[in-house]
Amino acid sequence: MRLLERFRGKKPSQSDKNKKGNSNYAYAATRVRAMKSKLLPKESYPRLLNMGIDEITRFIQESEYKNDVDELAMKYSGGDLAEHALNRNLALTYDKLGRITTGELNYLISAYLKRYEIWNVKTLLRGKLYNASVEDILESLIAGGQFTYTFLSELAAKATYQEIVDGLRKTEYYPLLQKFDGTNLAYIENELDKVYYSSLFEVIGEPKSKDRKLFARVVALEVDVKNLSTLFRLKKAGLEHPDQIMPLMIEGGLDLRPEKLAVLPYDEFINQLQKTQYWDAISSVVIQDTASLTALESRLTRYYLESATTFSHASPLSIVPFMDYIIHKNNEVTNLRIIFRGKEAGLDDNLIKDQLVVI
């Protein structure tokens, strides 16, 4: 775990915000394109589904995850080894992005990667609330943002969620976390997401440069995808009153207008979606009344991944290629985690396959 300590999540100083002249776009973009080329090709996934856990571990040990598996193999095995290795690799990958970028580029990437602070706060609260072991909690943490692995480990070892909240006293999340009473986890998690996106849009500011406009567009697209997934879940559950729906919406989306969609019955809601850019991506799933929400969310995730790549190709010397890589890297780790855990639980391969997003 010593290497994880290197992931400092260093936040650029305030003066770095506007140092666009110091951003090393050409050099860093070349590096990140090389990093993306090493992601697993889509042809790998059918092979992985035909393997057992030990075979899958050996497979990724021959890829970019080799050092992570080797480092942790003496302490973990099976699915636990995979989980820790994947999280370690993700943390060190994002650390590398911080080390190869400078100026405003580094500042914006650091702001975007604060999503892992939110991930970790949620994981800590959820784990402690449901009496997960310290080891199980650590297995799901990713040393990102401002939180070092040491800090996260100390929080995971706390006896109660109240102590975890107190341990986060010096963070920006503390005012919200004080409202956590052990019964309102869903509310707190949703509000944490709102804090993240609100802070991210604040960092972006009023986008005047092409780079920040692209950044804002990709983030807004992500907000739409999240809101649309939430809307489908709520509509499927029979919730149609705006007072039940709007508190769960995130502000700052690209095309969707949640305040208009929230009031519509399900059939009218679907009709309105046909006028959006997302319809082609989800229509074949939506028209099947028996289609699962998992399938719908997979289609939306795929659309988001493909859109990020399109933006990246259109603007190769901007922040978008870095976001494109981050999104795809996270998706790869998510896919591998689904495969490992699905195999470990004895799930049917087709069920596992349906949860993967492969492009």
Protein backbone atom coordinates (compact mmCIF):
# COMPACT_ATOMS: atom_id res chain seq x y z
CA MET A 1 0.00 0.00 0.00
CA ARG A 2 3.02 2.31 0.19
CA LEU A 3 2.56 3.38 -3.40
CA LEU A 4 -0.97 4.55 -2.63
CA GLU A 5 0.50 7.06 -0.23
CA ARG A 6 1.90 8.87 -3.24
CA PHE A 7 -1.59 9.76 -4.32
CA ARG A 8 -1.69 13.09 -2.60
CA GLY A 9 -4.65 14.59 -4.44
CA LYS A 10 -2.68 17.84 -4.46
CA LYS A 11 -4.87 20.82 -5.15
CA PRO A 12 -3.28 23.57 -7.24
CA SER A 13 -2.85 26.89 -5.51
CA GLN A 14 -5.39 29.62 -6.12
CA SER A 15 -2.92 31.38 -8.38
CA ASP A 16 -2.83 28.35 -10.70
CA LYS A 17 -6.44 28.88 -11.74
CA ASN A 18 -5.68 31.34 -14.48
CA LYS A 19 -2.23 30.17 -15.54
CA LYS A 20 -3.44 28.85 -18.83
CA GLY A 21 -0.14 29.85 -20.40
CA ASN A 22 1.56 27.31 -18.17
CA SER A 23 -0.69 24.45 -19.21
CA ASN A 24 1.22 21.80 -21.14
CA TYR A 25 -1.59 20.62 -23.41
CA ALA A 26 0.50 19.23 -26.28
CA TYR A 27 2.85 17.16 -24.12
CA ALA A 28 0.18 15.94 -21.70
CA ALA A 29 -2.32 15.14 -24.48
CA THR A 30 0.27 12.92 -26.16
CA ARG A 31 0.83 11.11 -22.87
CA VAL A 32 -2.87 10.62 -22.22
CA ARG A 33 -3.50 9.29 -25.74
CA ALA A 34 -0.83 6.68 -25.08
CA MET A 35 -2.50 5.81 -21.77
CA LYS A 36 -5.88 5.38 -23.45
CA SER A 37 -4.37 3.09 -26.09
CA LYS A 38 -3.52 0.66 -23.28
CA LEU A 39 -7.10 0.22 -22.13
CA LEU A 40 -8.48 -3.26 -22.68
CA PRO A 41 -9.95 -3.69 -26.18
CA LYS A 42 -13.60 -4.65 -26.37
CA GLU A 43 -12.59 -8.07 -27.70
CA SER A 44 -11.19 -8.89 -24.26
CA TYR A 45 -14.55 -9.00 -22.52
CA PRO A 46 -16.06 -12.12 -24.15
CA ARG A 47 -12.83 -13.93 -23.26
CA LEU A 48 -13.00 -12.72 -19.67
CA LEU A 49 -16.57 -13.94 -19.32
CA ASN A 50 -15.41 -17.43 -20.21
CA MET A 51 -12.74 -17.45 -17.50
CA GLY A 52 -12.73 -18.25 -13.81
CA ILE A 53 -11.54 -15.77 -11.17
CA ASP A 54 -7.96 -17.05 -11.08
CA GLU A 55 -7.75 -16.97 -14.88
CA ILE A 56 -9.09 -13.42 -14.98
CA THR A 57 -6.55 -12.36 -12.36
CA ARG A 58 -3.73 -13.84 -14.45
CA PHE A 59 -5.13 -12.10 -17.52
CA ILE A 60 -5.09 -8.62 -15.96
CA GLN A 61 -1.71 -9.41 -14.40
CA GLU A 62 -0.38 -9.43 -17.96
CA SER A 63 -1.84 -5.99 -18.64
CA GLU A 64 -1.50 -2.52 -17.14
CA TYR A 65 -2.60 -3.97 -13.78
CA LYS A 66 0.47 -6.18 -13.38
CA ASN A 67 2.27 -4.08 -10.76
CA ASP A 68 -0.94 -3.69 -8.77
CA VAL A 69 -1.65 -7.41 -8.68
CA ASP A 70 1.99 -8.24 -7.90
CA GLU A 71 2.14 -5.69 -5.08
CA LEU A 72 -0.99 -7.00 -3.37
CA ALA A 73 -0.88 -10.73 -4.13
CA MET A 74 0.87 -11.58 -0.85
CA LYS A 75 -1.97 -10.04 1.16
CA TYR A 76 -5.12 -10.78 -0.87
CA SER A 77 -6.55 -13.42 -3.18
CA GLY A 78 -9.53 -13.97 -5.47
CA GLY A 79 -12.06 -11.19 -5.76
CA ASP A 80 -10.49 -9.26 -2.89
CA LEU A 81 -7.15 -9.16 -4.73
CA ALA A 82 -8.88 -7.91 -7.86
CA GLU A 83 -10.83 -5.23 -6.00
CA HIS A 84 -7.77 -3.82 -4.24
CA ALA A 85 -5.63 -4.03 -7.38
CA LEU A 86 -8.21 -2.21 -9.49
CA ASN A 87 -8.65 0.57 -6.95
CA ARG A 88 -4.89 0.92 -6.50
CA ASN A 89 -4.39 1.17 -10.24
CA LEU A 90 -7.15 3.76 -10.57
CA ALA A 91 -5.66 5.90 -7.81
CA LEU A 92 -2.16 5.79 -9.26
CA THR A 93 -3.50 6.50 -12.74
CA TYR A 94 -5.15 9.67 -11.53
CA ASP A 95 -2.01 10.56 -9.60
CA LYS A 96 -0.12 10.31 -12.88
CA LEU A 97 -2.53 12.71 -14.55
CA GLY A 98 -1.78 15.18 -11.79
CA ARG A 99 1.96 14.78 -12.31
CA ILE A 100 2.00 15.17 -16.10
CA THR A 101 -0.24 18.26 -16.25
CA THR A 102 0.41 21.85 -15.23
CA GLY A 103 -1.36 25.17 -14.85
CA GLU A 104 -5.06 25.50 -15.55
CA LEU A 105 -5.20 22.01 -17.08
CA ASN A 106 -4.02 20.52 -13.81
CA TYR A 107 -6.43 22.72 -11.85
CA LEU A 108 -9.46 21.61 -13.87
CA ILE A 109 -8.53 17.93 -13.76
CA SER A 110 -8.04 18.12 -10.00
CA ALA A 111 -11.49 19.68 -9.63
CA TYR A 112 -13.04 16.96 -11.79
CA LEU A 113 -11.36 14.19 -9.79
CA LYS A 114 -12.86 15.42 -6.54
CA ARG A 115 -15.70 13.06 -7.43
CA TYR A 116 -13.65 10.40 -5.67
CA GLU A 117 -13.86 12.34 -2.43
CA ILE A 118 -17.62 12.04 -2.75
CA TRP A 119 -17.31 8.34 -3.60
CA ASN A 120 -15.20 7.75 -0.51
CA VAL A 121 -17.44 9.69 1.86
CA LYS A 122 -20.44 7.69 0.63
CA THR A 123 -18.53 4.42 0.93
CA LEU A 124 -17.42 5.18 4.48
CA LEU A 125 -20.89 6.13 5.67
CA ARG A 126 -22.59 3.24 3.90
CA GLY A 127 -20.04 0.72 5.13
CA LYS A 128 -20.22 1.82 8.73
CA LEU A 129 -24.01 2.11 8.71
CA TYR A 130 -24.35 -1.49 7.51
CA ASN A 131 -21.65 -2.85 9.82
CA ALA A 132 -19.18 -3.74 7.07
CA SER A 133 -15.72 -4.77 8.22
CA VAL A 134 -12.86 -2.31 7.98
CA GLU A 135 -11.32 -4.52 5.30
CA ASP A 136 -14.52 -4.51 3.24
CA ILE A 137 -14.68 -0.72 3.44
CA LEU A 138 -11.05 -0.31 2.47
CA GLU A 139 -11.63 -2.59 -0.48
CA SER A 140 -14.01 -0.06 -2.01
CA LEU A 141 -12.09 3.15 -1.31
CA ILE A 142 -10.14 5.01 -3.99
CA ALA A 143 -7.46 7.40 -2.82
CA GLY A 144 -8.50 10.44 -4.81
CA GLY A 145 -9.06 14.13 -4.44
CA GLN A 146 -7.65 15.58 -1.23
CA PHE A 147 -7.94 12.35 0.73
CA THR A 148 -4.80 10.26 1.15
CA TYR A 149 -4.99 6.52 1.71
CA THR A 150 -3.74 6.99 5.28
CA PHE A 151 -6.54 9.44 6.04
CA LEU A 152 -9.15 7.14 4.51
CA SER A 153 -7.79 4.15 6.44
CA GLU A 154 -8.07 6.06 9.70
CA LEU A 155 -11.67 6.94 8.94
CA ALA A 156 -12.52 3.36 7.96
CA ALA A 157 -11.21 2.19 11.33
CA LYS A 158 -13.60 4.44 13.26
CA ALA A 159 -16.16 2.59 15.36
CA THR A 160 -19.27 4.54 14.31
CA TYR A 161 -20.50 6.72 11.47
CA GLN A 162 -20.68 9.62 13.94
CA GLU A 163 -16.91 9.34 14.41
CA ILE A 164 -16.41 9.31 10.65
CA VAL A 165 -18.45 12.49 10.32
CA ASP A 166 -16.39 14.08 13.09
CA GLY A 167 -13.22 12.99 11.30
CA LEU A 168 -14.38 14.99 8.28
CA ARG A 169 -14.89 18.12 10.36
CA LYS A 170 -12.22 20.08 8.45
CA THR A 171 -13.63 19.28 5.02
CA GLU A 172 -16.15 21.21 2.94
CA TYR A 173 -18.60 18.33 3.36
CA TYR A 174 -18.95 18.64 7.11
CA PRO A 175 -21.90 21.09 7.22
CA LEU A 176 -23.96 18.64 5.17
CA LEU A 177 -22.70 15.53 6.98
CA GLN A 178 -23.84 16.98 10.29
CA LYS A 179 -27.38 16.31 9.04
CA PHE A 180 -26.72 12.58 8.74
CA ASP A 181 -28.69 10.74 11.42
CA GLY A 182 -28.32 7.15 10.30
CA THR A 183 -31.73 7.06 8.60
CA ASN A 184 -31.30 9.55 5.75
CA LEU A 185 -28.37 8.08 3.80
CA ALA A 186 -30.08 8.44 0.40
CA TYR A 187 -30.71 12.13 1.06
CA ILE A 188 -27.10 12.73 2.14
CA GLU A 189 -25.69 10.87 -0.86
CA ASN A 190 -27.82 12.89 -3.25
CA GLU A 191 -26.85 16.15 -1.58
CA LEU A 192 -23.17 15.18 -1.78
CA ASP A 193 -23.57 14.80 -5.54
CA LYS A 194 -25.11 18.26 -5.68
CA VAL A 195 -22.19 19.69 -3.70
CA TYR A 196 -19.73 18.12 -6.13
CA TYR A 197 -21.36 19.42 -9.29
CA SER A 198 -22.05 22.83 -7.79
CA SER A 199 -18.37 23.14 -6.83
CA LEU A 200 -17.27 21.90 -10.25
CA PHE A 201 -19.40 24.42 -12.11
CA GLU A 202 -18.08 27.10 -9.77
CA VAL A 203 -14.52 26.15 -10.75
CA ILE A 204 -15.44 26.30 -14.43
CA GLY A 205 -17.05 29.71 -13.90
CA GLU A 206 -18.55 31.59 -16.82
CA PRO A 207 -16.81 29.67 -19.58
CA LYS A 208 -15.19 32.12 -22.01
CA SER A 209 -12.31 30.08 -23.37
CA LYS A 210 -13.00 27.21 -25.78
CA ASP A 211 -11.41 24.83 -23.29
CA ARG A 212 -13.70 25.73 -20.43
CA LYS A 213 -16.74 25.72 -22.71
CA LEU A 214 -15.93 22.15 -23.73
CA PHE A 215 -15.32 21.20 -20.11
CA ALA A 216 -18.67 22.68 -19.11
CA ARG A 217 -20.45 20.88 -21.95
CA VAL A 218 -19.11 17.44 -21.03
CA VAL A 219 -19.93 17.96 -17.35
CA ALA A 220 -23.44 19.19 -18.23
CA LEU A 221 -23.93 16.10 -20.42
CA GLU A 222 -22.97 13.95 -17.46
CA VAL A 223 -25.53 15.75 -15.30
CA ASP A 224 -28.22 15.04 -17.89
CA VAL A 225 -27.33 11.34 -17.89
CA LYS A 226 -27.53 11.18 -14.11
CA ASN A 227 -30.80 13.09 -13.96
CA LEU A 228 -32.35 10.99 -16.71
CA SER A 229 -31.42 7.77 -14.91
CA THR A 230 -32.97 9.12 -11.72
CA LEU A 231 -36.12 10.24 -13.54
CA PHE A 232 -36.64 6.79 -15.01
CA ARG A 233 -36.23 5.16 -11.62
CA LEU A 234 -38.72 7.52 -10.02
CA LYS A 235 -41.25 7.28 -12.86
CA LYS A 236 -41.02 3.48 -12.81
CA ALA A 237 -41.67 3.63 -9.07
CA GLY A 238 -44.83 5.64 -9.69
CA LEU A 239 -43.55 8.97 -8.33
CA GLU A 240 -44.84 11.87 -10.37
CA HIS A 241 -45.21 14.79 -7.99
CA PRO A 242 -42.55 17.50 -8.50
CA ASP A 243 -42.04 17.80 -4.74
CA GLN A 244 -40.89 14.17 -4.73
CA ILE A 245 -38.70 14.45 -7.81
CA MET A 246 -37.08 17.88 -8.00
CA PRO A 247 -35.08 17.59 -4.75
CA LEU A 248 -33.27 14.65 -6.38
CA MET A 249 -32.32 16.53 -9.54
CA ILE A 250 -28.86 18.02 -10.10
CA GLU A 251 -28.68 21.52 -11.56
CA GLY A 252 -26.59 22.39 -14.59
CA GLY A 253 -27.72 19.86 -17.20
CA LEU A 254 -27.24 20.31 -20.93
CA ASP A 255 -30.56 19.65 -22.70
CA LEU A 256 -32.97 18.12 -20.21
CA ARG A 257 -35.38 20.30 -18.27
CA PRO A 258 -36.20 18.21 -15.18
CA GLU A 259 -38.72 20.73 -13.91
CA LYS A 260 -40.83 20.10 -17.03
CA LEU A 261 -40.31 16.34 -17.14
CA ALA A 262 -41.05 15.87 -13.43
CA VAL A 263 -44.72 16.76 -13.74
CA LEU A 264 -45.48 14.42 -16.66
CA PRO A 265 -47.14 11.00 -16.46
CA TYR A 266 -44.89 8.21 -17.71
CA ASP A 267 -46.28 8.07 -21.28
CA GLU A 268 -45.96 11.83 -21.76
CA PHE A 269 -42.51 11.71 -20.18
CA ILE A 270 -41.44 9.19 -22.85
CA ASN A 271 -42.97 11.33 -25.60
CA GLN A 272 -40.94 14.33 -24.49
CA LEU A 273 -37.73 12.30 -24.43
CA GLN A 274 -38.21 11.54 -28.12
CA LYS A 275 -37.37 15.20 -28.77
CA THR A 276 -33.99 14.98 -27.01
CA GLN A 277 -30.55 13.91 -28.20
CA TYR A 278 -30.74 10.87 -25.91
CA TRP A 279 -33.68 9.16 -27.58
CA ASP A 280 -31.74 7.27 -30.25
CA ALA A 281 -29.48 5.83 -27.57
CA ILE A 282 -32.29 4.56 -25.34
CA SER A 283 -35.31 4.07 -27.61
CA SER A 284 -34.79 0.36 -28.28
CA VAL A 285 -34.71 -0.28 -24.53
CA VAL A 286 -37.49 2.09 -23.52
CA ILE A 287 -40.06 0.63 -25.92
CA GLN A 288 -39.67 -2.73 -24.18
CA ASP A 289 -41.92 -2.50 -21.15
CA THR A 290 -39.99 -5.35 -19.53
CA ALA A 291 -36.58 -3.74 -20.11
CA SER A 292 -34.51 -3.33 -16.97
CA LEU A 293 -33.26 -0.06 -15.58
CA THR A 294 -29.78 -1.55 -15.70
CA ALA A 295 -30.04 -1.88 -19.49
CA LEU A 296 -31.30 1.69 -19.76
CA GLU A 297 -28.48 3.05 -17.63
CA SER A 298 -25.95 1.06 -19.65
CA ARG A 299 -27.23 2.70 -22.85
CA LEU A 300 -26.95 6.14 -21.28
CA THR A 301 -23.43 5.42 -20.05
CA ARG A 302 -22.46 4.19 -23.51
CA TYR A 303 -23.84 7.38 -25.05
CA TYR A 304 -21.86 9.48 -22.58
CA LEU A 305 -18.64 7.56 -23.31
CA GLU A 306 -19.12 7.88 -27.06
CA SER A 307 -19.90 11.59 -26.78
CA ALA A 308 -16.77 12.23 -24.72
CA THR A 309 -14.68 10.50 -27.38
CA THR A 310 -16.33 12.56 -30.14
CA PHE A 311 -15.54 15.78 -28.27
CA SER A 312 -12.00 14.54 -27.69
CA HIS A 313 -11.36 13.93 -31.39
CA ALA A 314 -12.82 17.31 -32.28
CA SER A 315 -10.60 19.16 -29.78
CA PRO A 316 -7.38 17.17 -29.28
CA LEU A 317 -5.55 20.01 -27.51
CA SER A 318 -8.06 20.71 -24.77
CA ILE A 319 -9.09 19.23 -21.45
CA VAL A 320 -11.63 16.94 -23.15
CA PRO A 321 -9.15 14.15 -24.09
CA PHE A 322 -8.25 13.94 -20.41
CA MET A 323 -11.88 13.71 -19.36
CA ASP A 324 -12.43 11.16 -22.12
CA TYR A 325 -9.63 9.02 -20.73
CA ILE A 326 -10.78 9.37 -17.12
CA ILE A 327 -14.31 8.33 -18.07
CA HIS A 328 -13.15 5.32 -20.09
CA LYS A 329 -10.63 4.25 -17.47
CA ASN A 330 -13.29 4.33 -14.78
CA ASN A 331 -15.62 2.36 -17.03
CA GLU A 332 -12.96 -0.31 -17.58
CA VAL A 333 -12.41 -0.70 -13.84
CA THR A 334 -16.18 -0.84 -13.29
CA ASN A 335 -16.52 -3.55 -15.96
CA LEU A 336 -13.73 -5.64 -14.44
CA ARG A 337 -15.21 -5.23 -10.97
CA ILE A 338 -18.61 -6.40 -12.25
CA ILE A 339 -17.02 -9.46 -13.84
CA PHE A 340 -15.03 -10.40 -10.74
CA ARG A 341 -17.92 -9.94 -8.36
CA GLY A 342 -20.37 -11.62 -10.69
CA LYS A 343 -18.13 -14.65 -11.04
CA GLU A 344 -17.57 -14.74 -7.31
CA ALA A 345 -21.33 -14.69 -6.70
CA GLY A 346 -21.92 -17.43 -9.26
CA LEU A 347 -24.05 -15.25 -11.55
CA ASP A 348 -24.94 -16.40 -15.04
CA ASP A 349 -22.53 -15.03 -17.66
CA ASN A 350 -25.39 -13.44 -19.61
CA LEU A 351 -26.51 -11.56 -16.52
CA ILE A 352 -22.97 -10.29 -15.99
CA LYS A 353 -22.69 -9.34 -19.66
CA ASP A 354 -25.89 -7.27 -19.46
CA GLN A 355 -24.31 -5.08 -16.77
CA LEU A 356 -21.17 -4.29 -18.77
CA VAL A 357 -20.70 -1.19 -20.89
CA VAL A 358 -18.31 -2.11 -23.71
CA ILE A 359 -17.51 0.15 -26.67
